[in-house]
Amino acid sequence: MSCWSDQRYVRRLPAAFLIASEHRTKAVESFTSRYGIDKLVWFEIYDDAAMAIAREKELKKWRRDWKIRLIEEQNPGWVDLYPGISI
């Protein structure tokens, strides 16, 4: 979702591995490359696309401190999770 910077990034990722890789390598000009976001520190998995979309919309309305608390509950050290999910 984000990195150590002040930016928090919420996005539903239908092709999570490809998109996460593109963000890490800054292969495409995007929000993440503009703000130097290159770590995956939190994610959720859904089997149902409608539920994933609803959750994404919900999280985008959250205050910054709520998002930080959500991340720190699961990943207090803000460890990059990408290596553990990549192929």
C-alpha atoms as a PDB file:
ATOM      1  CA  MET A   1       0.000   0.000   0.000  1.00  0.00           C
ATOM      2  CA  SER A   2       2.743   2.436   0.776  1.00  0.00           C
ATOM      3  CA  CYS A   3       6.280   3.027   1.994  1.00  0.00           C
ATOM      4  CA  TRP A   4       8.011   5.108   4.668  1.00  0.00           C
ATOM      5  CA  SER A   5       7.174   8.366   2.894  1.00  0.00           C
ATOM      6  CA  ASP A   6       4.246  10.525   3.975  1.00  0.00           C
ATOM      7  CA  GLN A   7       2.159   9.154   1.126  1.00  0.00           C
ATOM      8  CA  ARG A   8      -0.317   6.314   1.597  1.00  0.00           C
ATOM      9  CA  TYR A   9      -1.522   4.562  -1.524  1.00  0.00           C
ATOM     10  CA  VAL A  10      -4.713   2.529  -1.674  1.00  0.00           C
ATOM     11  CA  ARG A  11      -5.441   0.533  -4.804  1.00  0.00           C
ATOM     12  CA  ARG A  12      -7.254  -2.611  -5.822  1.00  0.00           C
ATOM     13  CA  LEU A  13      -4.792  -4.738  -7.735  1.00  0.00           C
ATOM     14  CA  PRO A  14      -6.334  -7.268 -10.108  1.00  0.00           C
ATOM     15  CA  ALA A  15      -2.880  -8.244 -11.375  1.00  0.00           C
ATOM     16  CA  ALA A  16      -1.099  -7.663  -8.073  1.00  0.00           C
ATOM     17  CA  PHE A  17       2.299  -9.176  -8.907  1.00  0.00           C
ATOM     18  CA  LEU A  18       2.695  -7.331 -12.210  1.00  0.00           C
ATOM     19  CA  ILE A  19       1.519  -3.997 -10.859  1.00  0.00           C
ATOM     20  CA  ALA A  20       3.592  -4.264  -7.672  1.00  0.00           C
ATOM     21  CA  SER A  21       6.644  -5.042  -9.791  1.00  0.00           C
ATOM     22  CA  GLU A  22       5.981  -2.037 -12.033  1.00  0.00           C
ATOM     23  CA  HIS A  23       5.657   0.218  -8.987  1.00  0.00           C
ATOM     24  CA  ARG A  24       8.899  -1.075  -7.461  1.00  0.00           C
ATOM     25  CA  THR A  25      10.891  -0.555 -10.646  1.00  0.00           C
ATOM     26  CA  LYS A  26       9.120   2.702 -11.543  1.00  0.00           C
ATOM     27  CA  ALA A  27       8.474   1.222 -14.978  1.00  0.00           C
ATOM     28  CA  VAL A  28       5.455   3.460 -15.486  1.00  0.00           C
ATOM     29  CA  GLU A  29       4.877   7.118 -14.636  1.00  0.00           C
ATOM     30  CA  SER A  30       2.360   7.006 -11.820  1.00  0.00           C
ATOM     31  CA  PHE A  31       1.511   8.230  -8.336  1.00  0.00           C
ATOM     32  CA  THR A  32       3.937   5.723  -6.855  1.00  0.00           C
ATOM     33  CA  SER A  33       6.875   6.749  -9.035  1.00  0.00           C
ATOM     34  CA  ARG A  34       6.147  10.455  -8.531  1.00  0.00           C
ATOM     35  CA  TYR A  35       6.230  10.121  -4.735  1.00  0.00           C
ATOM     36  CA  GLY A  36       8.909   7.431  -4.453  1.00  0.00           C
ATOM     37  CA  ILE A  37       6.609   4.725  -3.131  1.00  0.00           C
ATOM     38  CA  ASP A  38       8.296   1.382  -3.723  1.00  0.00           C
ATOM     39  CA  LYS A  39       7.389  -0.828  -0.752  1.00  0.00           C
ATOM     40  CA  LEU A  40       4.372  -3.029  -0.232  1.00  0.00           C
ATOM     41  CA  VAL A  41       3.689  -2.814   3.493  1.00  0.00           C
ATOM     42  CA  TRP A  42       0.064  -3.990   3.651  1.00  0.00           C
ATOM     43  CA  PHE A  43      -2.490  -5.771   1.503  1.00  0.00           C
ATOM     44  CA  GLU A  44      -5.767  -7.643   1.750  1.00  0.00           C
ATOM     45  CA  ILE A  45      -6.937 -10.538  -0.409  1.00  0.00           C
ATOM     46  CA  TYR A  46     -10.527 -10.929  -1.620  1.00  0.00           C
ATOM     47  CA  ASP A  47     -12.097 -13.675  -3.713  1.00  0.00           C
ATOM     48  CA  ASP A  48     -14.940 -11.393  -4.744  1.00  0.00           C
ATOM     49  CA  ALA A  49     -14.154  -8.368  -6.936  1.00  0.00           C
ATOM     50  CA  ALA A  50     -17.194  -6.428  -5.711  1.00  0.00           C
ATOM     51  CA  MET A  51     -16.042  -6.794  -2.098  1.00  0.00           C
ATOM     52  CA  ALA A  52     -12.507  -5.693  -3.040  1.00  0.00           C
ATOM     53  CA  ILE A  53     -13.855  -2.614  -4.809  1.00  0.00           C
ATOM     54  CA  ALA A  54     -16.095  -1.745  -1.841  1.00  0.00           C
ATOM     55  CA  ARG A  55     -13.163  -2.098   0.573  1.00  0.00           C
ATOM     56  CA  GLU A  56     -10.920   0.040  -1.657  1.00  0.00           C
ATOM     57  CA  LYS A  57     -13.544   2.803  -1.701  1.00  0.00           C
ATOM     58  CA  GLU A  58     -13.947   2.546   2.070  1.00  0.00           C
ATOM     59  CA  LEU A  59     -10.201   2.819   2.719  1.00  0.00           C
ATOM     60  CA  LYS A  60      -9.811   5.799   0.398  1.00  0.00           C
ATOM     61  CA  LYS A  61     -12.206   7.714   2.678  1.00  0.00           C
ATOM     62  CA  TRP A  62     -10.207   6.903   5.806  1.00  0.00           C
ATOM     63  CA  ARG A  63      -8.056   9.482   7.554  1.00  0.00           C
ATOM     64  CA  ARG A  64      -4.297   9.111   7.238  1.00  0.00           C
ATOM     65  CA  ASP A  65      -3.809   8.106  10.886  1.00  0.00           C
ATOM     66  CA  TRP A  66      -6.399   5.322  10.534  1.00  0.00           C
ATOM     67  CA  LYS A  67      -4.507   3.905   7.548  1.00  0.00           C
ATOM     68  CA  ILE A  68      -1.221   4.064   9.443  1.00  0.00           C
ATOM     69  CA  ARG A  69      -2.798   2.237  12.413  1.00  0.00           C
ATOM     70  CA  LEU A  70      -4.148  -0.454  10.053  1.00  0.00           C
ATOM     71  CA  ILE A  71      -0.655  -0.995   8.607  1.00  0.00           C
ATOM     72  CA  GLU A  72       1.067  -0.984  11.991  1.00  0.00           C
ATOM     73  CA  GLU A  73      -1.354  -3.521  13.475  1.00  0.00           C
ATOM     74  CA  GLN A  74      -0.229  -6.079  10.883  1.00  0.00           C
ATOM     75  CA  ASN A  75       3.266  -4.826  10.016  1.00  0.00           C
ATOM     76  CA  PRO A  76       4.667  -2.657  12.844  1.00  0.00           C
ATOM     77  CA  GLY A  77       8.138  -2.523  11.302  1.00  0.00           C
ATOM     78  CA  TRP A  78       6.822  -1.475   7.876  1.00  0.00           C
ATOM     79  CA  VAL A  79       8.734  -4.397   6.361  1.00  0.00           C
ATOM     80  CA  ASP A  80       8.478  -4.671   2.550  1.00  0.00           C
ATOM     81  CA  LEU A  81       6.110  -7.611   1.962  1.00  0.00           C
ATOM     82  CA  TYR A  82       6.694  -7.856  -1.782  1.00  0.00           C
ATOM     83  CA  PRO A  83       9.574 -10.388  -1.598  1.00  0.00           C
ATOM     84  CA  GLY A  84       7.298 -12.778   0.303  1.00  0.00           C
ATOM     85  CA  ILE A  85       4.533 -12.710  -2.303  1.00  0.00           C
ATOM     86  CA  SER A  86       6.533 -12.454  -5.525  1.00  0.00           C
ATOM     87  CA  ILE A  87       7.160 -15.477  -7.670  1.00  0.00           C
END
